Amino acid sequence: MSFWDHLTELRKRLVRMILAWLVMSVVAFMNRELIFDKIILAPKDTSFITYKWLCQLGTFLHADSLCLPPMSLSIINLNLSGQFMTHMTISMFAGVILASPFIIFQLWQFVIPALYEKERRYARQAVFVMSFLFFIGVAFSYYFMVPWTLNFLGTYQVRASYEKQISLSSYISTVTSTILSVGLVFELPVVVYVLSRLGIITPEFLKKNRKYAFVIILILAAIITPPDIFSMVIATIPIYSLFEISILVSKRVAPKPDPEDLED
């Protein structure tokens, strides 16, 4: 294929991805009550299922700190068009999540012609793995990271006399950015796979910097969870596990050194 043929193929894939995104966004827009009442706004109240799980876990572990304090955030809208624009934003955000398997598939379909037959088989598996990891990350973020973040920020007070009312746009941006960022973090093994295949990183490099990665993950967990050791540990374990899995992935796919080079 010529350069222009590649551009034509890329344009075709992009059009399909955008159409899938728009269709899923329209579906989300038409299900406003489900998206907002049952999903987006659900973590703002202590009746959310995660708070019950954590309280039960805290009772089992004799760790009262896991039973988060009662919370019911008061959400207000400050702009005339705020609710409509929020509805549009959330619909587009949900559209990206719902259409992500198809989007990933289209990206791989564009890359596949440049791969050998064996690599194509791996590419097909990669579509499933990337989609699976992304959805796992989104679910983990929604059920654990978002409730911790909202509870900590929603109950934190400089002075008790200050009334706390949360703007709708602030709440939505906090929830969506947390969900999307953690979903992308869960793609770490795939990123390491690609970089290792290209020889950009090696398993030795990852092992050597393991302690720095652990510190960074601890800092991240400390930021997004309440200030207690149990919450931080629960947030750290799955993210650090991804790093260890990435080391195994890198070790499996990294190019092996040429024996002749080793002799030299």
C-alpha atoms as a PDB file:
ATOM      1  CA  MET A   1       0.000   0.000   0.000  1.00  0.00           C
ATOM      2  CA  SER A   2       1.152   3.506  -0.804  1.00  0.00           C
ATOM      3  CA  PHE A   3       1.262   6.337   1.709  1.00  0.00           C
ATOM      4  CA  TRP A   4      -2.074   7.694   0.482  1.00  0.00           C
ATOM      5  CA  ASP A   5      -3.625   4.238   0.656  1.00  0.00           C
ATOM      6  CA  HIS A   6      -2.580   4.047   4.305  1.00  0.00           C
ATOM      7  CA  LEU A   7      -4.175   7.436   4.947  1.00  0.00           C
ATOM      8  CA  THR A   8      -7.383   6.295   3.254  1.00  0.00           C
ATOM      9  CA  GLU A   9      -7.450   3.140   5.373  1.00  0.00           C
ATOM     10  CA  LEU A  10      -6.795   5.158   8.536  1.00  0.00           C
ATOM     11  CA  ARG A  11      -9.594   7.570   7.660  1.00  0.00           C
ATOM     12  CA  LYS A  12     -11.992   4.644   7.141  1.00  0.00           C
ATOM     13  CA  ARG A  13     -11.090   3.218  10.552  1.00  0.00           C
ATOM     14  CA  LEU A  14     -11.438   6.608  12.248  1.00  0.00           C
ATOM     15  CA  VAL A  15     -14.882   7.153  10.697  1.00  0.00           C
ATOM     16  CA  ARG A  16     -16.027   3.762  12.008  1.00  0.00           C
ATOM     17  CA  MET A  17     -14.687   4.514  15.484  1.00  0.00           C
ATOM     18  CA  ILE A  18     -16.395   7.915  15.584  1.00  0.00           C
ATOM     19  CA  LEU A  19     -19.694   6.431  14.384  1.00  0.00           C
ATOM     20  CA  ALA A  20     -19.535   3.718  17.059  1.00  0.00           C
ATOM     21  CA  TRP A  21     -18.774   6.357  19.684  1.00  0.00           C
ATOM     22  CA  LEU A  22     -21.709   8.531  18.543  1.00  0.00           C
ATOM     23  CA  VAL A  23     -24.139   5.593  18.486  1.00  0.00           C
ATOM     24  CA  MET A  24     -23.156   4.532  22.008  1.00  0.00           C
ATOM     25  CA  SER A  25     -23.348   8.160  23.165  1.00  0.00           C
ATOM     26  CA  VAL A  26     -26.908   8.424  21.838  1.00  0.00           C
ATOM     27  CA  VAL A  27     -27.812   5.180  23.634  1.00  0.00           C
ATOM     28  CA  ALA A  28     -26.380   6.599  26.872  1.00  0.00           C
ATOM     29  CA  PHE A  29     -28.173   9.942  26.308  1.00  0.00           C
ATOM     30  CA  MET A  30     -31.519   8.133  25.975  1.00  0.00           C
ATOM     31  CA  ASN A  31     -30.961   6.290  29.271  1.00  0.00           C
ATOM     32  CA  ARG A  32     -30.505   9.352  31.453  1.00  0.00           C
ATOM     33  CA  GLU A  33     -32.058   7.960  34.624  1.00  0.00           C
ATOM     34  CA  LEU A  34     -29.956   4.791  34.513  1.00  0.00           C
ATOM     35  CA  ILE A  35     -26.714   6.654  33.775  1.00  0.00           C
ATOM     36  CA  PHE A  36     -27.174   9.356  36.427  1.00  0.00           C
ATOM     37  CA  ASP A  37     -29.356   7.953  39.215  1.00  0.00           C
ATOM     38  CA  LYS A  38     -28.084   4.360  39.197  1.00  0.00           C
ATOM     39  CA  ILE A  39     -24.443   4.878  38.165  1.00  0.00           C
ATOM     40  CA  ILE A  40     -22.898   8.370  38.240  1.00  0.00           C
ATOM     41  CA  LEU A  41     -24.640   9.778  41.330  1.00  0.00           C
ATOM     42  CA  ALA A  42     -24.891   6.496  43.247  1.00  0.00           C
ATOM     43  CA  PRO A  43     -21.473   6.736  45.028  1.00  0.00           C
ATOM     44  CA  LYS A  44     -22.343  10.097  46.623  1.00  0.00           C
ATOM     45  CA  ASP A  45     -24.462   8.464  49.347  1.00  0.00           C
ATOM     46  CA  THR A  46     -23.438   6.087  52.122  1.00  0.00           C
ATOM     47  CA  SER A  47     -26.086   3.620  50.887  1.00  0.00           C
ATOM     48  CA  PHE A  48     -23.798   2.779  47.952  1.00  0.00           C
ATOM     49  CA  ILE A  49     -22.902  -0.920  47.963  1.00  0.00           C
ATOM     50  CA  THR A  50     -19.140  -0.347  48.317  1.00  0.00           C
ATOM     51  CA  TYR A  51     -19.564   1.314  51.705  1.00  0.00           C
ATOM     52  CA  LYS A  52     -21.448  -1.758  52.931  1.00  0.00           C
ATOM     53  CA  TRP A  53     -18.720  -4.069  51.596  1.00  0.00           C
ATOM     54  CA  LEU A  54     -15.975  -2.052  53.280  1.00  0.00           C
ATOM     55  CA  CYS A  55     -17.858  -1.984  56.573  1.00  0.00           C
ATOM     56  CA  GLN A  56     -18.292  -5.762  56.468  1.00  0.00           C
ATOM     57  CA  LEU A  57     -14.607  -6.202  55.610  1.00  0.00           C
ATOM     58  CA  GLY A  58     -13.646  -3.846  58.446  1.00  0.00           C
ATOM     59  CA  THR A  59     -15.727  -5.891  60.890  1.00  0.00           C
ATOM     60  CA  PHE A  60     -14.069  -9.115  59.704  1.00  0.00           C
ATOM     61  CA  LEU A  61     -10.549  -7.643  59.952  1.00  0.00           C
ATOM     62  CA  HIS A  62     -11.323  -5.701  63.147  1.00  0.00           C
ATOM     63  CA  ALA A  63     -10.367  -2.518  61.288  1.00  0.00           C
ATOM     64  CA  ASP A  64     -12.965   0.121  62.077  1.00  0.00           C
ATOM     65  CA  SER A  65     -11.251   2.600  59.746  1.00  0.00           C
ATOM     66  CA  LEU A  66     -12.620   0.703  56.735  1.00  0.00           C
ATOM     67  CA  CYS A  67     -16.147   1.617  57.811  1.00  0.00           C
ATOM     68  CA  LEU A  68     -16.212   5.049  56.189  1.00  0.00           C
ATOM     69  CA  PRO A  69     -18.057   7.930  57.881  1.00  0.00           C
ATOM     70  CA  PRO A  70     -21.643   8.702  56.790  1.00  0.00           C
ATOM     71  CA  MET A  71     -21.875  10.905  53.722  1.00  0.00           C
ATOM     72  CA  SER A  72     -24.551  12.440  51.536  1.00  0.00           C
ATOM     73  CA  LEU A  73     -23.171  15.070  49.196  1.00  0.00           C
ATOM     74  CA  SER A  74     -25.351  18.020  48.295  1.00  0.00           C
ATOM     75  CA  ILE A  75     -24.983  18.555  44.547  1.00  0.00           C
ATOM     76  CA  ILE A  76     -25.946  21.951  43.109  1.00  0.00           C
ATOM     77  CA  ASN A  77     -26.053  23.321  39.575  1.00  0.00           C
ATOM     78  CA  LEU A  78     -24.607  26.812  39.123  1.00  0.00           C
ATOM     79  CA  ASN A  79     -25.041  27.372  35.380  1.00  0.00           C
ATOM     80  CA  LEU A  80     -28.234  27.721  33.365  1.00  0.00           C
ATOM     81  CA  SER A  81     -27.056  25.206  30.778  1.00  0.00           C
ATOM     82  CA  GLY A  82     -25.095  23.174  33.320  1.00  0.00           C
ATOM     83  CA  GLN A  83     -27.423  20.180  33.529  1.00  0.00           C
ATOM     84  CA  PHE A  84     -27.807  19.871  29.766  1.00  0.00           C
ATOM     85  CA  MET A  85     -24.053  20.170  29.151  1.00  0.00           C
ATOM     86  CA  THR A  86     -23.389  17.653  31.922  1.00  0.00           C
ATOM     87  CA  HIS A  87     -25.867  15.276  30.322  1.00  0.00           C
ATOM     88  CA  MET A  88     -24.056  15.666  26.985  1.00  0.00           C
ATOM     89  CA  THR A  89     -20.610  15.223  28.556  1.00  0.00           C
ATOM     90  CA  ILE A  90     -21.576  12.102  30.486  1.00  0.00           C
ATOM     91  CA  SER A  91     -23.248  10.606  27.417  1.00  0.00           C
ATOM     92  CA  MET A  92     -20.077  11.087  25.373  1.00  0.00           C
ATOM     93  CA  PHE A  93     -17.952   9.704  28.207  1.00  0.00           C
ATOM     94  CA  ALA A  94     -20.195   6.640  28.498  1.00  0.00           C
ATOM     95  CA  GLY A  95     -20.065   6.306  24.714  1.00  0.00           C
ATOM     96  CA  VAL A  96     -16.278   5.980  24.827  1.00  0.00           C
ATOM     97  CA  ILE A  97     -16.472   3.236  27.450  1.00  0.00           C
ATOM     98  CA  LEU A  98     -19.228   1.306  25.681  1.00  0.00           C
ATOM     99  CA  ALA A  99     -17.571   1.589  22.279  1.00  0.00           C
ATOM    100  CA  SER A 100     -14.038   0.891  23.530  1.00  0.00           C
ATOM    101  CA  PRO A 101     -13.936  -2.790  22.379  1.00  0.00           C
ATOM    102  CA  PHE A 102     -14.926  -1.771  18.849  1.00  0.00           C
ATOM    103  CA  ILE A 103     -12.479   1.161  18.883  1.00  0.00           C
ATOM    104  CA  ILE A 104      -9.624  -1.090  19.997  1.00  0.00           C
ATOM    105  CA  PHE A 105     -10.613  -3.636  17.323  1.00  0.00           C
ATOM    106  CA  GLN A 106     -10.486  -0.990  14.592  1.00  0.00           C
ATOM    107  CA  LEU A 107      -7.056   0.201  15.735  1.00  0.00           C
ATOM    108  CA  TRP A 108      -5.704  -3.331  15.604  1.00  0.00           C
ATOM    109  CA  GLN A 109      -7.301  -3.909  12.192  1.00  0.00           C
ATOM    110  CA  PHE A 110      -5.293  -0.955  10.924  1.00  0.00           C
ATOM    111  CA  VAL A 111      -2.069  -2.358  12.388  1.00  0.00           C
ATOM    112  CA  ILE A 112      -2.565  -6.034  11.458  1.00  0.00           C
ATOM    113  CA  PRO A 113      -1.533  -5.788   7.750  1.00  0.00           C
ATOM    114  CA  ALA A 114       1.972  -4.800   8.893  1.00  0.00           C
ATOM    115  CA  LEU A 115       2.327  -7.910  11.079  1.00  0.00           C
ATOM    116  CA  TYR A 116       3.405 -11.463  10.353  1.00  0.00           C
ATOM    117  CA  GLU A 117       0.866 -14.280  10.647  1.00  0.00           C
ATOM    118  CA  LYS A 118       2.073 -15.282  14.111  1.00  0.00           C
ATOM    119  CA  GLU A 119       1.922 -11.671  15.277  1.00  0.00           C
ATOM    120  CA  ARG A 120      -1.609 -11.379  13.889  1.00  0.00           C
ATOM    121  CA  ARG A 121      -2.783 -14.137  16.192  1.00  0.00           C
ATOM    122  CA  TYR A 122      -1.306 -12.263  19.132  1.00  0.00           C
ATOM    123  CA  ALA A 123      -2.981  -9.081  17.904  1.00  0.00           C
ATOM    124  CA  ARG A 124      -6.416 -10.711  17.945  1.00  0.00           C
ATOM    125  CA  GLN A 125      -5.809 -11.832  21.514  1.00  0.00           C
ATOM    126  CA  ALA A 126      -4.605  -8.343  22.389  1.00  0.00           C
ATOM    127  CA  VAL A 127      -7.980  -6.845  21.427  1.00  0.00           C
ATOM    128  CA  PHE A 128      -9.708  -9.030  24.015  1.00  0.00           C
ATOM    129  CA  VAL A 129      -7.011  -8.464  26.642  1.00  0.00           C
ATOM    130  CA  MET A 130      -7.028  -4.665  26.233  1.00  0.00           C
ATOM    131  CA  SER A 131     -10.824  -4.494  26.414  1.00  0.00           C
ATOM    132  CA  PHE A 132     -10.884  -6.829  29.424  1.00  0.00           C
ATOM    133  CA  LEU A 133      -8.214  -4.872  31.325  1.00  0.00           C
ATOM    134  CA  PHE A 134      -9.902  -1.549  30.564  1.00  0.00           C
ATOM    135  CA  PHE A 135     -13.281  -2.725  31.848  1.00  0.00           C
ATOM    136  CA  ILE A 136     -11.663  -4.266  34.929  1.00  0.00           C
ATOM    137  CA  GLY A 137      -9.938  -0.940  35.595  1.00  0.00           C
ATOM    138  CA  VAL A 138     -13.192   0.975  35.132  1.00  0.00           C
ATOM    139  CA  ALA A 139     -15.040  -1.385  37.496  1.00  0.00           C
ATOM    140  CA  PHE A 140     -12.264  -1.253  40.114  1.00  0.00           C
ATOM    141  CA  SER A 141     -12.196   2.533  39.925  1.00  0.00           C
ATOM    142  CA  TYR A 142     -15.975   2.881  40.137  1.00  0.00           C
ATOM    143  CA  TYR A 143     -16.478   0.508  43.056  1.00  0.00           C
ATOM    144  CA  PHE A 144     -13.357   1.357  45.074  1.00  0.00           C
ATOM    145  CA  MET A 145     -11.424   4.442  43.971  1.00  0.00           C
ATOM    146  CA  VAL A 146     -14.418   6.718  43.378  1.00  0.00           C
ATOM    147  CA  PRO A 147     -16.162   5.994  46.729  1.00  0.00           C
ATOM    148  CA  TRP A 148     -12.906   6.497  48.667  1.00  0.00           C
ATOM    149  CA  THR A 149     -12.145   9.710  46.822  1.00  0.00           C
ATOM    150  CA  LEU A 150     -15.643  11.123  47.247  1.00  0.00           C
ATOM    151  CA  ASN A 151     -15.828  10.142  50.905  1.00  0.00           C
ATOM    152  CA  PHE A 152     -12.474  11.680  51.760  1.00  0.00           C
ATOM    153  CA  LEU A 153     -12.988  14.920  49.816  1.00  0.00           C
ATOM    154  CA  GLY A 154     -16.702  15.116  50.635  1.00  0.00           C
ATOM    155  CA  THR A 155     -16.270  14.789  54.395  1.00  0.00           C
ATOM    156  CA  TYR A 156     -13.041  16.782  54.743  1.00  0.00           C
ATOM    157  CA  GLN A 157     -13.585  20.158  56.413  1.00  0.00           C
ATOM    158  CA  VAL A 158     -11.239  22.977  57.306  1.00  0.00           C
ATOM    159  CA  ARG A 159     -13.848  24.250  59.775  1.00  0.00           C
ATOM    160  CA  ALA A 160     -17.137  22.664  60.802  1.00  0.00           C
ATOM    161  CA  SER A 161     -18.956  25.965  60.287  1.00  0.00           C
ATOM    162  CA  TYR A 162     -18.243  25.935  56.542  1.00  0.00           C
ATOM    163  CA  GLU A 163     -21.205  24.494  54.663  1.00  0.00           C
ATOM    164  CA  LYS A 164     -20.169  22.142  51.872  1.00  0.00           C
ATOM    165  CA  GLN A 165     -22.114  22.193  48.611  1.00  0.00           C
ATOM    166  CA  ILE A 166     -20.565  20.513  45.588  1.00  0.00           C
ATOM    167  CA  SER A 167     -21.103  21.885  42.100  1.00  0.00           C
ATOM    168  CA  LEU A 168     -22.393  19.397  39.549  1.00  0.00           C
ATOM    169  CA  SER A 169     -19.475  20.045  37.186  1.00  0.00           C
ATOM    170  CA  SER A 170     -16.908  19.472  39.971  1.00  0.00           C
ATOM    171  CA  TYR A 171     -18.527  16.188  40.983  1.00  0.00           C
ATOM    172  CA  ILE A 172     -18.771  14.920  37.415  1.00  0.00           C
ATOM    173  CA  SER A 173     -15.183  15.851  36.543  1.00  0.00           C
ATOM    174  CA  THR A 174     -13.874  14.097  39.673  1.00  0.00           C
ATOM    175  CA  VAL A 175     -15.806  10.896  38.975  1.00  0.00           C
ATOM    176  CA  THR A 176     -15.078  10.701  35.239  1.00  0.00           C
ATOM    177  CA  SER A 177     -11.376  11.577  35.515  1.00  0.00           C
ATOM    178  CA  THR A 178     -10.869   8.982  38.260  1.00  0.00           C
ATOM    179  CA  ILE A 179     -12.652   6.253  36.291  1.00  0.00           C
ATOM    180  CA  LEU A 180     -10.880   6.986  33.015  1.00  0.00           C
ATOM    181  CA  SER A 181      -7.401   7.371  34.523  1.00  0.00           C
ATOM    182  CA  VAL A 182      -7.580   4.092  36.453  1.00  0.00           C
ATOM    183  CA  GLY A 183      -9.002   2.334  33.391  1.00  0.00           C
ATOM    184  CA  LEU A 184      -5.967   3.492  31.414  1.00  0.00           C
ATOM    185  CA  VAL A 185      -3.575   2.482  34.229  1.00  0.00           C
ATOM    186  CA  PHE A 186      -4.892  -1.066  33.931  1.00  0.00           C
ATOM    187  CA  GLU A 187      -3.577  -1.127  30.352  1.00  0.00           C
ATOM    188  CA  LEU A 188      -0.039  -1.155  31.772  1.00  0.00           C
ATOM    189  CA  PRO A 189       0.694  -4.825  30.876  1.00  0.00           C
ATOM    190  CA  VAL A 190      -0.283  -4.161  27.254  1.00  0.00           C
ATOM    191  CA  VAL A 191       1.909  -1.053  27.076  1.00  0.00           C
ATOM    192  CA  VAL A 192       4.821  -3.006  28.541  1.00  0.00           C
ATOM    193  CA  TYR A 193       4.184  -5.799  26.045  1.00  0.00           C
ATOM    194  CA  VAL A 194       4.475  -3.405  23.091  1.00  0.00           C
ATOM    195  CA  LEU A 195       7.519  -1.569  24.472  1.00  0.00           C
ATOM    196  CA  SER A 196       9.248  -4.853  25.275  1.00  0.00           C
ATOM    197  CA  ARG A 197       8.613  -6.225  21.795  1.00  0.00           C
ATOM    198  CA  LEU A 198      10.170  -3.077  20.372  1.00  0.00           C
ATOM    199  CA  GLY A 199      13.161  -3.413  22.691  1.00  0.00           C
ATOM    200  CA  ILE A 200      12.531  -0.039  24.337  1.00  0.00           C
ATOM    201  CA  ILE A 201      12.297  -1.501  27.840  1.00  0.00           C
ATOM    202  CA  THR A 202      13.573  -4.758  29.293  1.00  0.00           C
ATOM    203  CA  PRO A 203      12.522  -6.915  32.252  1.00  0.00           C
ATOM    204  CA  GLU A 204      15.866  -6.055  33.853  1.00  0.00           C
ATOM    205  CA  PHE A 205      14.977  -2.352  33.666  1.00  0.00           C
ATOM    206  CA  LEU A 206      11.597  -2.975  35.312  1.00  0.00           C
ATOM    207  CA  LYS A 207      13.121  -5.112  38.060  1.00  0.00           C
ATOM    208  CA  LYS A 208      15.818  -2.539  38.716  1.00  0.00           C
ATOM    209  CA  ASN A 209      13.210   0.221  39.142  1.00  0.00           C
ATOM    210  CA  ARG A 210      10.712  -1.907  41.057  1.00  0.00           C
ATOM    211  CA  LYS A 211      11.257   0.028  44.299  1.00  0.00           C
ATOM    212  CA  TYR A 212      10.622   3.361  42.578  1.00  0.00           C
ATOM    213  CA  ALA A 213       7.437   2.019  41.012  1.00  0.00           C
ATOM    214  CA  PHE A 214       6.293   0.788  44.421  1.00  0.00           C
ATOM    215  CA  VAL A 215       6.849   4.225  45.978  1.00  0.00           C
ATOM    216  CA  ILE A 216       4.954   5.937  43.152  1.00  0.00           C
ATOM    217  CA  ILE A 217       2.053   3.508  43.548  1.00  0.00           C
ATOM    218  CA  LEU A 218       1.992   4.097  47.312  1.00  0.00           C
ATOM    219  CA  ILE A 219       1.859   7.859  46.771  1.00  0.00           C
ATOM    220  CA  LEU A 220      -0.955   7.432  44.249  1.00  0.00           C
ATOM    221  CA  ALA A 221      -2.876   5.191  46.649  1.00  0.00           C
ATOM    222  CA  ALA A 222      -2.359   7.662  49.503  1.00  0.00           C
ATOM    223  CA  ILE A 223      -3.798  10.479  47.383  1.00  0.00           C
ATOM    224  CA  ILE A 224      -6.947   8.681  46.246  1.00  0.00           C
ATOM    225  CA  THR A 225      -7.822   6.874  49.493  1.00  0.00           C
ATOM    226  CA  PRO A 226      -8.638   8.026  53.046  1.00  0.00           C
ATOM    227  CA  PRO A 227      -5.606   8.522  55.307  1.00  0.00           C
ATOM    228  CA  ASP A 228      -5.403   5.061  56.871  1.00  0.00           C
ATOM    229  CA  ILE A 229      -3.158   2.089  56.217  1.00  0.00           C
ATOM    230  CA  PHE A 230      -5.878  -0.462  55.362  1.00  0.00           C
ATOM    231  CA  SER A 231      -7.447   1.622  52.615  1.00  0.00           C
ATOM    232  CA  MET A 232      -4.054   2.388  51.132  1.00  0.00           C
ATOM    233  CA  VAL A 233      -3.047  -1.286  51.133  1.00  0.00           C
ATOM    234  CA  ILE A 234      -6.277  -2.363  49.424  1.00  0.00           C
ATOM    235  CA  ALA A 235      -5.724   0.259  46.702  1.00  0.00           C
ATOM    236  CA  THR A 236      -2.019  -0.563  46.327  1.00  0.00           C
ATOM    237  CA  ILE A 237      -2.287  -4.344  45.924  1.00  0.00           C
ATOM    238  CA  PRO A 238      -4.102  -4.506  42.543  1.00  0.00           C
ATOM    239  CA  ILE A 239      -2.090  -1.662  40.975  1.00  0.00           C
ATOM    240  CA  TYR A 240       1.256  -3.078  42.084  1.00  0.00           C
ATOM    241  CA  SER A 241       0.121  -6.523  40.956  1.00  0.00           C
ATOM    242  CA  LEU A 242      -0.258  -5.065  37.475  1.00  0.00           C
ATOM    243  CA  PHE A 243       3.357  -3.917  37.622  1.00  0.00           C
ATOM    244  CA  GLU A 244       4.550  -7.390  38.586  1.00  0.00           C
ATOM    245  CA  ILE A 245       2.457  -8.911  35.796  1.00  0.00           C
ATOM    246  CA  SER A 246       4.056  -6.418  33.424  1.00  0.00           C
ATOM    247  CA  ILE A 247       7.515  -7.693  34.437  1.00  0.00           C
ATOM    248  CA  LEU A 248       6.457 -11.249  33.584  1.00  0.00           C
ATOM    249  CA  VAL A 249       5.035 -10.067  30.270  1.00  0.00           C
ATOM    250  CA  SER A 250       8.235  -8.208  29.441  1.00  0.00           C
ATOM    251  CA  LYS A 251      10.343 -11.231  30.357  1.00  0.00           C
ATOM    252  CA  ARG A 252       8.290 -13.432  28.045  1.00  0.00           C
ATOM    253  CA  VAL A 253       8.282 -11.217  24.945  1.00  0.00           C
ATOM    254  CA  ALA A 254      11.509  -9.187  25.171  1.00  0.00           C
ATOM    255  CA  PRO A 255      13.959 -10.014  22.355  1.00  0.00           C
ATOM    256  CA  LYS A 256      16.612 -12.490  23.486  1.00  0.00           C
ATOM    257  CA  PRO A 257      20.236 -11.385  23.053  1.00  0.00           C
ATOM    258  CA  ASP A 258      22.174 -12.996  20.200  1.00  0.00           C
ATOM    259  CA  PRO A 259      24.544 -15.702  21.525  1.00  0.00           C
ATOM    260  CA  GLU A 260      27.279 -14.415  19.205  1.00  0.00           C
ATOM    261  CA  ASP A 261      26.960 -10.950  20.739  1.00  0.00           C
ATOM    262  CA  LEU A 262      27.330 -12.463  24.191  1.00  0.00           C
ATOM    263  CA  GLU A 263      30.512 -14.261  23.124  1.00  0.00           C
ATOM    264  CA  ASP A 264      31.963 -11.048  21.739  1.00  0.00           C
END
